[in-house]
Amino acid sequence: MDDLLEQNDIQSSPHKPSHSAGNQRFEELADSFEEAVPEISDLSKRGYQFLKEERITEAIDCFNTILSVDDNNNYALVGMGDASRKRGNFKDAVNYYQMCLTYHPGNNYALFGLADCYKALNQYHKAIEIWEQYLQHDEKNVTVLTRVADAYRKIRDFKNSKSVYLEVLEMESWNPYAIIGLGHLHYDFKEYRDALFYWEKMFETYKDNVDIRVLTSIGNCHRKLKTFEKGIVYFEKALQRDPFNFYALFGLADCYRGLNQQSHSLEYWNRILEQDPRNKVILTRAGDAYRNLGDYEQAVDYYQRALNIEFDTYAVLGLAMVAKALCKYTEAIESLQRLVQQDPKNHRLYMELADCFFRKGEKHKAQEVLEEFQKQGIRNTYVIEFIEKFNS
């Protein structure tokens, strides 16, 4: 959810920038066919036109016909790679591109396709290596440079990723993919104010025509910075565009939760559940909201619905908190003790367990629980303050 806007996936429109690398690639290849044998040239042109029209089977027939008479034809091998890639058969595509590079080292179209395949296979180091080979022939290609920066971001190489994005901006000061990429890069490293700077540049440029994912990304930055009121503004803008957008609904619910406006948060948790009634994370969030409103019956119902899907720590914790609120301390303690065994480093579980013993009048057991947590060598301010409370 933290990477809501995949950089090169922005929808195209007169107001939404997009790479035209795919069609441009086919057109550039077609322009060079004139130098080929006339029959092969015609088949190649037809094959790439079919690819452009998403008529993959017919494109493959054309390329296979070429390969039957010229088994190392670079146009046909790249075409077969592109066709396989369009079908999601990335490993087959890799084989075709590599075969082309064996016969035609440095073929830019094979390099480009091969790198994109490695990216799709999450083999980012290999993708970077191939794209850098491509850049030896075309060092100012911003489409490839932004892909390289994206790949560095995916492997969490902040320095190189930022350097390449900024290199693109030196060539094209308003390149949207570099700007959005820098937003994601800073977001990934929890530098939310810097991420906001870049995403707000996109919003300021395109205003109401900006891609909806920019709106939810800005909202998420404010959510992380706990500037919830500002986040609500952007999530509402996104929801006006798409009333069923999960990220906008989740963002609004979580912002109202952060503002402790539980009834408002419930409106959006339940709107998500109307679309996805078996989402146990949302069920537990809604259960928490009902619990905080004092509607324990509804809270228990939502927690149980989550547990009917599969075990969920937060649903069990929620039930324990309901029991605690109803002064059923023994019941709450039993649940919390089981949770501590499963998650022995979670300080909140120890805090709640100790508080139950304390409220039950068993102060010494409460102290033992907190001391058990401290034996793990974990220093936690809340636990220390709770222990001091006993000694005051």
Protein backbone atom coordinates (compact mmCIF):
# COMPACT_ATOMS: atom_id res chain seq x y z
CA MET A 1 0.00 0.00 0.00
CA ASP A 2 3.00 2.28 0.51
CA ASP A 3 3.86 2.10 -3.24
CA LEU A 4 0.50 3.11 -4.66
CA LEU A 5 1.71 4.73 -7.87
CA GLU A 6 3.99 2.54 -9.95
CA GLN A 7 6.03 5.14 -11.77
CA ASN A 8 5.49 4.22 -15.37
CA ASP A 9 1.87 3.15 -14.95
CA ILE A 10 0.15 6.55 -14.98
CA GLN A 11 -2.89 6.49 -17.23
CA SER A 12 -2.55 8.38 -20.48
CA SER A 13 -4.63 11.45 -21.28
CA PRO A 14 -3.93 14.92 -22.67
CA HIS A 15 -3.32 15.99 -19.09
CA LYS A 16 -1.65 12.84 -17.77
CA PRO A 17 1.89 12.26 -19.05
CA SER A 18 2.89 8.78 -20.14
CA HIS A 19 5.80 7.05 -21.82
CA SER A 20 5.06 5.98 -25.39
CA ALA A 21 8.04 3.67 -25.41
CA GLY A 22 6.06 0.65 -26.65
CA ASN A 23 4.52 2.12 -29.79
CA GLN A 24 7.55 4.28 -30.48
CA ARG A 25 9.67 1.13 -30.33
CA PHE A 26 7.53 -0.60 -32.98
CA GLU A 27 7.59 2.49 -35.21
CA GLU A 28 11.38 2.83 -34.95
CA LEU A 29 11.84 -0.83 -35.82
CA ALA A 30 9.45 -0.48 -38.76
CA ASP A 31 11.46 2.47 -40.10
CA SER A 32 14.56 0.29 -40.34
CA PHE A 33 12.87 -2.57 -42.20
CA GLU A 34 13.49 -0.97 -45.59
CA GLU A 35 17.07 -2.20 -45.45
CA ALA A 36 15.95 -5.82 -45.03
CA VAL A 37 15.07 -8.36 -47.70
CA PRO A 38 11.71 -7.17 -49.16
CA GLU A 39 9.75 -10.30 -48.14
CA ILE A 40 11.18 -10.28 -44.63
CA SER A 41 10.64 -6.55 -44.41
CA ASP A 42 6.95 -6.98 -45.21
CA LEU A 43 6.49 -9.79 -42.68
CA SER A 44 8.33 -7.79 -40.04
CA LYS A 45 6.20 -4.72 -40.61
CA ARG A 46 3.05 -6.79 -40.40
CA GLY A 47 4.27 -8.56 -37.26
CA TYR A 48 5.00 -5.32 -35.45
CA GLN A 49 1.72 -3.80 -36.58
CA PHE A 50 -0.05 -6.85 -35.14
CA LEU A 51 1.84 -6.34 -31.86
CA LYS A 52 0.76 -2.73 -31.79
CA GLU A 53 -2.85 -3.87 -32.26
CA GLU A 54 -2.47 -6.56 -29.54
CA ARG A 55 -3.01 -9.32 -32.14
CA ILE A 56 -0.30 -11.43 -30.58
CA THR A 57 -0.98 -14.79 -32.26
CA GLU A 58 -0.88 -13.25 -35.73
CA ALA A 59 2.33 -11.39 -34.86
CA ILE A 60 3.95 -14.65 -33.73
CA ASP A 61 2.95 -16.33 -37.00
CA CYS A 62 4.75 -13.59 -38.94
CA PHE A 63 7.91 -13.82 -36.84
CA ASN A 64 7.96 -17.63 -36.95
CA THR A 65 7.72 -17.52 -40.75
CA ILE A 66 10.79 -15.28 -40.83
CA LEU A 67 12.72 -17.53 -38.42
CA SER A 68 11.93 -20.59 -40.54
CA VAL A 69 14.13 -19.14 -43.29
CA ASP A 70 16.46 -16.94 -41.22
CA ASP A 71 16.84 -18.36 -37.73
CA ASN A 72 18.95 -15.50 -36.39
CA ASN A 73 16.93 -12.61 -37.80
CA ASN A 74 17.16 -9.80 -35.29
CA TYR A 75 13.73 -8.30 -36.11
CA ALA A 76 11.97 -11.63 -35.65
CA LEU A 77 13.83 -12.57 -32.47
CA VAL A 78 13.07 -9.21 -30.88
CA GLY A 79 9.48 -9.51 -32.12
CA MET A 80 9.11 -12.94 -30.52
CA GLY A 81 10.58 -11.51 -27.31
CA ASP A 82 8.09 -8.64 -27.37
CA ALA A 83 5.19 -11.00 -28.08
CA SER A 84 6.18 -13.28 -25.20
CA ARG A 85 6.58 -10.28 -22.90
CA LYS A 86 3.12 -8.98 -23.82
CA ARG A 87 1.69 -12.37 -22.84
CA GLY A 88 3.54 -12.30 -19.54
CA ASN A 89 5.85 -15.15 -20.55
CA PHE A 90 8.93 -13.31 -19.35
CA LYS A 91 11.28 -16.29 -19.22
CA ASP A 92 10.52 -17.12 -22.86
CA ALA A 93 11.01 -13.47 -23.75
CA VAL A 94 14.41 -13.46 -22.02
CA ASN A 95 15.47 -16.43 -24.16
CA TYR A 96 14.52 -14.65 -27.41
CA TYR A 97 16.25 -11.40 -26.45
CA GLN A 98 19.39 -13.26 -25.35
CA MET A 99 19.40 -15.24 -28.60
CA CYS A 100 19.19 -11.98 -30.53
CA LEU A 101 22.09 -10.51 -28.53
CA THR A 102 24.16 -13.62 -29.20
CA TYR A 103 23.91 -12.96 -32.95
CA HIS A 104 23.61 -9.17 -32.76
CA PRO A 105 25.50 -7.85 -29.70
CA GLY A 106 24.39 -4.42 -28.57
CA ASN A 107 20.97 -4.55 -30.27
CA ASN A 108 19.17 -1.74 -28.45
CA TYR A 109 15.70 -3.23 -28.80
CA ALA A 110 16.80 -6.57 -27.39
CA LEU A 111 18.57 -4.83 -24.50
CA PHE A 112 15.52 -2.71 -23.76
CA GLY A 113 13.17 -5.70 -23.78
CA LEU A 114 15.53 -7.89 -21.77
CA ALA A 115 15.90 -5.28 -19.04
CA ASP A 116 12.14 -4.84 -18.81
CA CYS A 117 11.76 -8.61 -18.44
CA TYR A 118 14.24 -8.72 -15.57
CA LYS A 119 12.33 -5.86 -13.96
CA ALA A 120 9.06 -7.79 -14.32
CA LEU A 121 10.77 -10.83 -12.75
CA ASN A 122 11.95 -8.63 -9.83
CA GLN A 123 15.55 -9.26 -10.84
CA TYR A 124 16.47 -5.61 -10.46
CA HIS A 125 20.25 -6.01 -10.34
CA LYS A 126 20.18 -7.77 -13.72
CA ALA A 127 17.82 -5.13 -15.10
CA ILE A 128 20.19 -2.35 -14.05
CA GLU A 129 23.14 -4.14 -15.66
CA ILE A 130 21.29 -4.43 -18.99
CA TRP A 131 19.95 -0.87 -18.93
CA GLU A 132 23.47 0.41 -18.31
CA GLN A 133 24.60 -1.47 -21.41
CA TYR A 134 21.80 0.25 -23.31
CA LEU A 135 22.89 3.66 -22.01
CA GLN A 136 26.34 3.15 -23.51
CA HIS A 137 24.63 3.62 -26.88
CA ASP A 138 22.05 6.22 -25.79
CA GLU A 139 23.19 7.90 -22.57
CA LYS A 140 20.52 10.64 -22.62
CA ASN A 141 17.51 8.35 -22.95
CA VAL A 142 15.28 9.57 -20.11
CA THR A 143 12.90 6.62 -20.44
CA VAL A 144 15.74 4.22 -19.67
CA LEU A 145 17.25 6.49 -17.02
CA THR A 146 13.97 6.62 -15.08
CA ARG A 147 13.76 2.83 -15.29
CA VAL A 148 17.28 2.57 -13.87
CA ALA A 149 16.34 4.94 -11.04
CA ASP A 150 13.20 2.87 -10.37
CA ALA A 151 15.27 -0.31 -10.16
CA TYR A 152 17.74 1.27 -7.74
CA ARG A 153 14.74 2.33 -5.65
CA LYS A 154 13.39 -1.22 -5.63
CA ILE A 155 16.69 -2.55 -4.26
CA ARG A 156 16.69 0.31 -1.71
CA ASP A 157 19.78 2.02 -3.08
CA PHE A 158 18.73 5.53 -2.11
CA LYS A 159 21.89 7.32 -3.23
CA ASN A 160 22.03 5.93 -6.78
CA SER A 161 18.29 6.14 -7.27
CA LYS A 162 18.12 9.80 -6.29
CA SER A 163 21.20 10.61 -8.37
CA VAL A 164 19.66 9.16 -11.54
CA TYR A 165 16.27 10.78 -10.98
CA LEU A 166 17.99 14.15 -10.53
CA GLU A 167 20.02 13.52 -13.68
CA VAL A 168 16.74 13.16 -15.56
CA LEU A 169 15.43 16.40 -14.05
CA GLU A 170 18.55 18.21 -15.24
CA MET A 171 17.57 17.21 -18.78
CA GLU A 172 13.81 17.62 -18.35
CA SER A 173 13.03 19.76 -15.32
CA TRP A 174 9.37 18.66 -15.22
CA ASN A 175 9.75 15.01 -16.16
CA PRO A 176 6.74 13.49 -14.32
CA TYR A 177 8.25 10.05 -13.87
CA ALA A 178 11.35 11.38 -12.19
CA ILE A 179 9.26 13.66 -9.95
CA ILE A 180 6.91 10.85 -8.95
CA GLY A 181 9.84 8.46 -8.55
CA LEU A 182 11.52 10.87 -6.14
CA GLY A 183 8.26 11.03 -4.21
CA HIS A 184 8.22 7.25 -3.87
CA LEU A 185 11.90 7.11 -3.03
CA HIS A 186 11.57 9.50 -0.11
CA TYR A 187 8.34 7.83 1.01
CA ASP A 188 10.04 4.42 1.01
CA PHE A 189 12.71 5.83 3.33
CA LYS A 190 10.10 7.50 5.56
CA GLU A 191 11.11 10.98 4.49
CA TYR A 192 7.49 12.02 4.17
CA ARG A 193 8.01 15.79 3.96
CA ASP A 194 10.41 15.37 1.04
CA ALA A 195 7.98 12.96 -0.63
CA LEU A 196 5.24 15.57 -0.24
CA PHE A 197 7.41 18.18 -1.96
CA TYR A 198 7.62 16.13 -5.15
CA TRP A 199 4.05 14.84 -5.21
CA GLU A 200 2.68 18.32 -4.55
CA LYS A 201 4.63 19.53 -7.57
CA MET A 202 2.60 17.09 -9.64
CA PHE A 203 -0.65 18.27 -8.07
CA GLU A 204 0.22 21.93 -8.60
CA THR A 205 0.95 21.23 -12.26
CA TYR A 206 -2.07 19.10 -13.18
CA LYS A 207 -4.59 20.22 -10.52
CA ASP A 208 -7.92 18.44 -10.99
CA ASN A 209 -6.51 16.35 -13.85
CA VAL A 210 -3.70 14.83 -11.79
CA ASP A 211 -3.68 11.05 -11.55
CA ILE A 212 -5.79 9.80 -8.64
CA ARG A 213 -2.82 7.89 -7.22
CA VAL A 214 -0.96 11.16 -6.71
CA LEU A 215 -3.88 12.33 -4.58
CA THR A 216 -3.83 9.20 -2.40
CA SER A 217 -0.03 9.37 -2.15
CA ILE A 218 -0.21 12.95 -0.85
CA GLY A 219 -2.94 11.84 1.55
CA ASN A 220 -0.77 8.99 2.79
CA CYS A 221 2.11 11.38 3.51
CA HIS A 222 -0.17 13.49 5.68
CA ARG A 223 -1.45 10.32 7.33
CA LYS A 224 2.11 9.30 8.20
CA LEU A 225 2.93 12.82 9.42
CA LYS A 226 -0.28 12.76 11.50
CA THR A 227 -1.52 15.91 9.79
CA PHE A 228 -4.82 14.13 9.39
CA GLU A 229 -6.99 17.14 8.50
CA LYS A 230 -4.80 17.87 5.47
CA GLY A 231 -4.82 14.22 4.45
CA ILE A 232 -8.61 14.13 4.50
CA VAL A 233 -8.75 16.86 1.85
CA TYR A 234 -6.77 14.78 -0.67
CA PHE A 235 -8.50 11.49 0.10
CA GLU A 236 -11.86 13.20 -0.43
CA LYS A 237 -10.67 14.54 -3.79
CA ALA A 238 -9.72 10.98 -4.76
CA LEU A 239 -13.07 9.63 -3.58
CA GLN A 240 -14.91 12.20 -5.70
CA ARG A 241 -13.15 10.66 -8.70
CA ASP A 242 -13.74 7.06 -7.66
CA PRO A 243 -16.28 6.41 -4.86
CA PHE A 244 -15.01 2.83 -4.47
CA ASN A 245 -11.27 3.55 -4.37
CA PHE A 246 -9.84 1.36 -1.60
CA TYR A 247 -6.90 3.65 -0.80
CA ALA A 248 -9.10 6.72 -0.51
CA LEU A 249 -11.58 4.90 1.72
CA PHE A 250 -8.82 3.43 3.88
CA GLY A 251 -7.04 6.79 4.10
CA LEU A 252 -10.19 8.60 5.21
CA ALA A 253 -11.02 5.93 7.78
CA ASP A 254 -7.51 6.00 9.19
CA CYS A 255 -7.36 9.80 9.29
CA TYR A 256 -10.63 9.97 11.23
CA ARG A 257 -9.29 7.21 13.47
CA GLY A 258 -6.20 9.37 14.09
CA LEU A 259 -8.48 12.29 14.98
CA ASN A 260 -10.39 9.98 17.35
CA GLN A 261 -13.57 10.52 15.34
CA GLN A 262 -14.57 6.88 15.52
CA SER A 263 -18.06 7.24 14.09
CA HIS A 264 -16.63 8.90 10.96
CA SER A 265 -13.95 6.23 10.63
CA LEU A 266 -16.62 3.53 10.86
CA GLU A 267 -18.46 4.98 7.88
CA TYR A 268 -15.42 4.30 5.67
CA TRP A 269 -14.36 0.98 7.25
CA ASN A 270 -17.88 -0.30 6.54
CA ARG A 271 -17.82 1.04 2.98
CA ILE A 272 -14.71 -1.04 2.38
CA LEU A 273 -16.39 -4.07 3.94
CA GLU A 274 -19.36 -3.69 1.59
CA GLN A 275 -16.91 -4.44 -1.23
CA ASP A 276 -14.66 -6.86 0.66
CA PRO A 277 -16.54 -8.42 3.59
CA ARG A 278 -13.75 -10.91 4.36
CA ASN A 279 -10.98 -8.37 4.83
CA LYS A 280 -9.88 -9.26 8.35
CA VAL A 281 -7.65 -6.20 8.77
CA ILE A 282 -10.61 -3.91 8.11
CA LEU A 283 -12.88 -6.04 10.30
CA THR A 284 -10.52 -5.61 13.25
CA ARG A 285 -10.19 -1.84 12.57
CA ALA A 286 -13.97 -1.53 12.54
CA GLY A 287 -14.14 -3.66 15.69
CA ASP A 288 -11.70 -1.25 17.37
CA ALA A 289 -13.89 1.70 16.37
CA TYR A 290 -17.02 0.10 17.83
CA ARG A 291 -15.09 -0.76 21.00
CA ASN A 292 -13.84 2.81 21.39
CA LEU A 293 -17.43 4.01 20.99
CA GLY A 294 -18.49 1.65 23.77
CA ASP A 295 -20.55 -0.58 21.47
CA TYR A 296 -19.03 -3.81 22.76
CA GLU A 297 -21.61 -6.11 21.21
CA GLN A 298 -20.84 -4.88 17.70
CA ALA A 299 -17.11 -4.89 18.43
CA VAL A 300 -17.21 -8.54 19.47
CA ASP A 301 -19.20 -9.40 16.34
CA TYR A 302 -16.56 -7.82 14.06
CA TYR A 303 -13.63 -9.41 15.92
CA GLN A 304 -15.31 -12.82 15.69
CA ARG A 305 -15.95 -12.34 11.98
CA ALA A 306 -12.24 -11.67 11.53
CA LEU A 307 -11.31 -14.77 13.52
CA ASN A 308 -13.73 -16.87 11.48
CA ILE A 309 -11.55 -16.09 8.46
CA GLU A 310 -8.27 -16.99 10.21
CA PHE A 311 -6.37 -16.29 13.40
CA ASP A 312 -5.63 -12.61 13.90
CA THR A 313 -3.60 -11.21 16.79
CA TYR A 314 -5.40 -7.88 16.75
CA ALA A 315 -8.83 -9.48 16.77
CA VAL A 316 -7.88 -11.54 19.85
CA LEU A 317 -6.38 -8.42 21.44
CA GLY A 318 -9.60 -6.56 20.66
CA LEU A 319 -11.67 -9.24 22.40
CA ALA A 320 -9.33 -9.08 25.39
CA MET A 321 -9.76 -5.30 25.54
CA VAL A 322 -13.54 -5.69 25.48
CA ALA A 323 -13.31 -8.19 28.35
CA LYS A 324 -11.06 -5.75 30.24
CA ALA A 325 -13.51 -2.87 29.66
CA LEU A 326 -16.29 -5.08 31.07
CA CYS A 327 -14.08 -5.84 34.13
CA LYS A 328 -13.75 -9.50 33.06
CA TYR A 329 -10.08 -9.44 33.96
CA THR A 330 -9.52 -13.19 34.22
CA GLU A 331 -10.88 -13.70 30.70
CA ALA A 332 -8.74 -10.84 29.37
CA ILE A 333 -5.62 -12.18 31.12
CA GLU A 334 -6.03 -15.65 29.59
CA SER A 335 -6.21 -14.19 26.09
CA LEU A 336 -3.30 -11.81 26.63
CA GLN A 337 -1.07 -14.54 28.08
CA ARG A 338 -1.59 -16.62 24.94
CA LEU A 339 -0.75 -13.63 22.78
CA VAL A 340 2.44 -12.93 24.75
CA GLN A 341 3.60 -16.49 24.09
CA GLN A 342 3.09 -15.97 20.36
CA ASP A 343 4.58 -12.47 20.21
CA PRO A 344 7.03 -12.17 23.14
CA LYS A 345 8.56 -8.86 22.03
CA ASN A 346 5.32 -6.90 21.71
CA HIS A 347 5.44 -4.39 24.57
CA ARG A 348 1.77 -3.47 24.25
CA LEU A 349 0.68 -7.00 25.15
CA TYR A 350 2.75 -6.88 28.35
CA MET A 351 1.36 -3.45 29.19
CA GLU A 352 -2.24 -4.59 28.81
CA LEU A 353 -1.59 -7.83 30.70
CA ALA A 354 0.11 -5.97 33.55
CA ASP A 355 -2.76 -3.47 33.67
CA CYS A 356 -5.28 -6.30 33.97
CA PHE A 357 -3.40 -7.78 36.94
CA PHE A 358 -3.10 -4.28 38.45
CA ARG A 359 -6.85 -3.64 38.12
CA LYS A 360 -7.54 -7.08 39.57
CA GLY A 361 -5.54 -6.06 42.63
CA GLU A 362 -2.57 -8.36 41.91
CA LYS A 363 0.14 -5.69 41.83
CA HIS A 364 3.02 -8.13 42.27
CA LYS A 365 1.95 -10.13 39.21
CA ALA A 366 1.72 -6.93 37.19
CA GLN A 367 5.31 -6.12 38.15
CA GLU A 368 6.44 -9.64 37.25
CA VAL A 369 4.92 -9.29 33.77
CA LEU A 370 6.80 -6.06 33.07
CA GLU A 371 10.05 -7.40 34.52
CA GLU A 372 9.70 -10.44 32.25
CA PHE A 373 9.55 -8.07 29.28
CA GLN A 374 12.63 -6.18 30.46
CA LYS A 375 14.64 -9.40 30.81
CA GLN A 376 14.69 -9.51 27.00
CA GLY A 377 16.94 -6.44 27.00
CA ILE A 378 14.37 -4.30 25.23
CA ARG A 379 14.20 -0.74 26.50
CA ASN A 380 10.71 0.72 26.19
CA THR A 381 9.69 4.08 27.64
CA TYR A 382 6.08 3.07 28.27
CA VAL A 383 7.09 -0.03 30.21
CA ILE A 384 9.59 1.94 32.29
CA GLU A 385 6.96 4.56 33.13
CA PHE A 386 4.49 1.83 34.13
CA ILE A 387 7.05 0.25 36.47
CA GLU A 388 7.77 3.65 38.02
CA LYS A 389 4.03 3.97 38.63
CA PHE A 390 4.21 0.95 40.93
CA ASN A 391 7.10 2.41 42.90
CA SER A 392 5.56 5.85 43.31
